[in-house]
Amino acid sequence: MSLEHETFSVLICRKQSTSFNEINFLMQIAWSYAEKGLLVFILSGKVIDSESGIDLNPYLSKPEVLQRIIFRYISEPAGILEWCHEMHKRSRLPHVFMLGGLETFTERNEFNAVEICAALLDAVQYCSLCTRRNTYLLVSICDNKSNNCPLHLITFFDQILYLENSQTDSYTFLQLYPFTFPGEPLRKVEIKKNY
């Protein structure tokens, strides 16, 4: 049976040594979806302030688009779980979920990442069913243990990208999952600013 609506989840992995303004990146992606009329929720374990390096000036010219992007600071793993589990109480359901800095919630307990990803996927599925529209999840994590993503997270995501290079106006990723055939080079994905 084919559904009219689907969910799609992406995990972005990177090393601490890779220069990356995560909140700017998330804002660029959020903007591209909000311009298409989709409601975007960005969850972050880091406070967004003047030190975050986010330049809102390009976005201020279209307040109607900016209104479709909602930032939420959550400091503890339990806060994300509660936010996800209370999705059915919300009057406006997002079409795009973004979680920046998954590692900030897993410093004391690696299992938190599994629990958070499962709760986010449940919330994404719920929103897709209620809105009867495609719903998207993007999660980023900084992992200094390897050049891959944490293995315990692979089953949660449709696509896994590894940040290879970050510049002011573009990002280059290597696609780690779905896997390529043995001997084939990893596929490169490039994302450029669109405003």
Protein backbone atom coordinates (compact mmCIF):
# COMPACT_ATOMS: atom_id res chain seq x y z
CA MET A 1 0.00 0.00 0.00
CA SER A 2 1.45 3.34 -1.02
CA LEU A 3 1.17 6.35 1.28
CA GLU A 4 0.47 9.87 0.08
CA HIS A 5 3.03 11.16 2.53
CA GLU A 6 6.41 9.95 3.72
CA THR A 7 9.11 10.77 6.20
CA PHE A 8 12.78 11.24 5.39
CA SER A 9 15.59 11.44 7.94
CA VAL A 10 19.18 12.64 7.54
CA LEU A 11 22.09 12.49 9.99
CA ILE A 12 25.01 14.85 9.48
CA CYS A 13 28.26 13.79 11.17
CA ARG A 14 31.39 15.86 11.59
CA LYS A 15 34.58 16.08 13.60
CA GLN A 16 35.28 18.90 16.05
CA SER A 17 38.31 19.91 13.97
CA THR A 18 36.11 20.66 10.93
CA SER A 19 35.16 24.32 10.85
CA PHE A 20 31.38 24.46 10.80
CA ASN A 21 28.84 27.07 11.86
CA GLU A 22 26.07 24.63 12.64
CA ILE A 23 23.34 27.14 13.40
CA ASN A 24 23.99 29.06 10.17
CA PHE A 25 23.80 25.79 8.24
CA LEU A 26 20.54 24.78 9.92
CA MET A 27 19.09 28.23 9.27
CA GLN A 28 19.94 27.99 5.56
CA ILE A 29 18.24 24.61 5.27
CA ALA A 30 15.27 25.82 7.35
CA TRP A 31 14.91 28.87 5.12
CA SER A 32 14.78 26.77 1.96
CA TYR A 33 11.92 24.68 3.40
CA ALA A 34 10.09 27.69 4.90
CA GLU A 35 10.16 29.42 1.50
CA LYS A 36 8.18 26.44 0.19
CA GLY A 37 5.53 27.07 2.85
CA LEU A 38 6.64 24.41 5.33
CA LEU A 39 6.76 24.96 9.10
CA VAL A 40 10.25 24.26 10.48
CA PHE A 41 11.21 23.57 14.10
CA ILE A 42 14.88 23.90 15.04
CA LEU A 43 15.83 22.39 18.39
CA SER A 44 19.22 23.21 19.84
CA GLY A 45 21.14 22.44 23.00
CA LYS A 46 23.11 25.63 22.48
CA VAL A 47 21.77 29.11 23.11
CA ILE A 48 21.54 31.16 19.94
CA ASP A 49 22.97 34.61 20.59
CA SER A 50 25.17 37.23 18.93
CA GLU A 51 28.18 34.94 19.43
CA SER A 52 26.51 32.20 17.34
CA GLY A 53 27.62 33.92 14.15
CA ILE A 54 24.20 33.76 12.55
CA ASP A 55 23.51 36.55 10.08
CA LEU A 56 19.76 37.22 10.04
CA ASN A 57 19.95 40.22 7.69
CA PRO A 58 19.35 38.21 4.48
CA TYR A 59 16.26 36.68 6.09
CA LEU A 60 14.62 39.88 7.40
CA SER A 61 13.37 40.94 3.95
CA LYS A 62 10.74 38.16 4.02
CA PRO A 63 9.12 38.12 7.49
CA GLU A 64 6.34 35.81 6.27
CA VAL A 65 8.96 33.14 5.58
CA LEU A 66 10.84 33.82 8.81
CA GLN A 67 7.60 33.24 10.76
CA ARG A 68 7.61 29.63 9.60
CA ILE A 69 10.93 28.95 11.38
CA ILE A 70 10.68 28.30 15.10
CA PHE A 71 13.79 27.98 17.30
CA ARG A 72 13.59 26.16 20.61
CA TYR A 73 16.42 25.92 23.13
CA ILE A 74 16.35 22.69 25.13
CA SER A 75 19.10 22.05 27.66
CA GLU A 76 18.49 18.44 28.73
CA PRO A 77 17.70 15.15 26.95
CA ALA A 78 14.48 14.89 28.97
CA GLY A 79 13.35 18.20 27.46
CA ILE A 80 13.62 16.85 23.92
CA LEU A 81 11.78 13.66 24.88
CA GLU A 82 9.00 15.67 26.52
CA TRP A 83 8.78 17.99 23.50
CA CYS A 84 8.44 14.97 21.18
CA HIS A 85 5.95 13.11 23.37
CA GLU A 86 3.71 16.18 23.60
CA MET A 87 3.54 16.67 19.84
CA HIS A 88 -0.14 15.67 19.82
CA LYS A 89 -0.93 18.72 22.00
CA ARG A 90 0.47 21.24 19.52
CA SER A 91 -1.82 23.41 17.42
CA ARG A 92 0.78 23.75 14.64
CA LEU A 93 2.65 20.66 13.51
CA PRO A 94 6.02 21.05 11.80
CA HIS A 95 6.91 19.55 8.45
CA VAL A 96 10.64 19.78 9.13
CA PHE A 97 12.39 18.92 12.40
CA MET A 98 16.02 19.86 12.96
CA LEU A 99 18.18 19.02 15.94
CA GLY A 100 21.58 20.65 16.11
CA GLY A 101 24.32 19.30 18.35
CA LEU A 102 23.04 15.86 19.31
CA GLU A 103 26.38 15.34 21.07
CA THR A 104 25.47 17.97 23.70
CA PHE A 105 22.74 15.63 24.94
CA THR A 106 24.88 12.48 24.96
CA GLU A 107 28.01 13.56 26.84
CA ARG A 108 27.04 11.68 30.00
CA ASN A 109 25.12 8.80 28.44
CA GLU A 110 25.48 7.51 24.86
CA PHE A 111 22.09 5.80 25.08
CA ASN A 112 20.47 9.26 25.15
CA ALA A 113 21.23 9.58 21.41
CA VAL A 114 19.25 6.41 20.67
CA GLU A 115 16.34 7.49 22.83
CA ILE A 116 16.28 11.01 21.35
CA CYS A 117 16.46 9.78 17.74
CA ALA A 118 13.65 7.27 18.36
CA ALA A 119 11.45 9.97 19.92
CA LEU A 120 12.17 12.39 17.06
CA LEU A 121 11.28 9.75 14.48
CA ASP A 122 8.02 9.00 16.29
CA ALA A 123 7.18 12.71 16.29
CA VAL A 124 8.04 13.01 12.59
CA GLN A 125 5.83 10.01 11.77
CA TYR A 126 2.97 11.47 13.82
CA CYS A 127 3.20 14.84 12.05
CA SER A 128 3.31 13.16 8.65
CA LEU A 129 0.15 11.18 9.43
CA CYS A 130 -1.72 14.20 10.83
CA THR A 131 -0.75 16.69 8.14
CA ARG A 132 -0.81 14.14 5.30
CA ARG A 133 2.37 15.73 3.97
CA ASN A 134 5.97 14.64 3.70
CA THR A 135 7.87 15.32 6.91
CA TYR A 136 11.63 15.64 7.30
CA LEU A 137 14.14 15.16 10.11
CA LEU A 138 17.70 16.48 10.07
CA VAL A 139 20.03 15.78 13.01
CA SER A 140 23.67 16.83 13.32
CA ILE A 141 26.28 15.29 15.59
CA CYS A 142 29.94 15.98 16.26
CA ASP A 143 31.83 12.74 16.90
CA ASN A 144 35.58 12.75 17.42
CA LYS A 145 35.87 8.97 17.84
CA SER A 146 35.99 8.09 14.14
CA ASN A 147 35.54 9.34 10.59
CA ASN A 148 32.16 7.66 10.44
CA CYS A 149 28.87 8.15 12.20
CA PRO A 150 28.17 6.44 15.52
CA LEU A 151 27.12 2.90 14.58
CA HIS A 152 24.25 2.81 17.06
CA LEU A 153 22.47 5.55 15.07
CA ILE A 154 22.61 4.04 11.56
CA THR A 155 19.20 2.35 11.75
CA PHE A 156 17.39 5.62 12.48
CA PHE A 157 18.30 7.49 9.30
CA ASP A 158 17.54 7.18 5.60
CA GLN A 159 20.72 9.04 4.70
CA ILE A 160 23.95 9.73 6.58
CA LEU A 161 26.32 12.47 5.43
CA TYR A 162 29.80 13.21 6.72
CA LEU A 163 30.96 16.84 6.53
CA GLU A 164 34.15 16.92 4.50
CA ASN A 165 34.52 20.65 3.96
CA SER A 166 32.78 23.80 5.13
CA GLN A 167 33.20 27.24 3.61
CA THR A 168 31.33 30.51 3.97
CA ASP A 169 28.93 29.82 1.12
CA SER A 170 28.99 26.04 0.61
CA TYR A 171 29.30 22.68 2.35
CA THR A 172 30.66 19.43 0.94
CA PHE A 173 29.51 16.11 2.39
CA LEU A 174 30.40 12.49 1.75
CA GLN A 175 27.43 10.15 1.67
CA LEU A 176 28.11 7.31 4.11
CA TYR A 177 24.68 5.71 3.91
CA PRO A 178 23.04 4.31 1.87
CA PHE A 179 26.27 2.49 1.27
CA THR A 180 28.03 2.45 -2.08
CA PHE A 181 29.21 -0.78 -3.64
CA PRO A 182 32.67 -2.02 -2.61
CA GLY A 183 35.36 -0.24 -4.60
CA GLU A 184 33.11 2.69 -5.55
CA PRO A 185 34.08 6.13 -4.24
CA LEU A 186 31.78 7.78 -1.73
CA ARG A 187 29.26 10.07 -3.37
CA LYS A 188 29.80 13.79 -2.74
CA VAL A 189 26.88 16.08 -1.92
CA GLU A 190 27.35 19.85 -2.10
CA ILE A 191 24.99 22.38 -0.54
CA LYS A 192 25.30 26.08 -1.40
CA LYS A 193 23.64 29.15 0.11
CA ASN A 194 20.41 29.95 -1.66
CA TYR A 195 19.56 33.49 -0.58
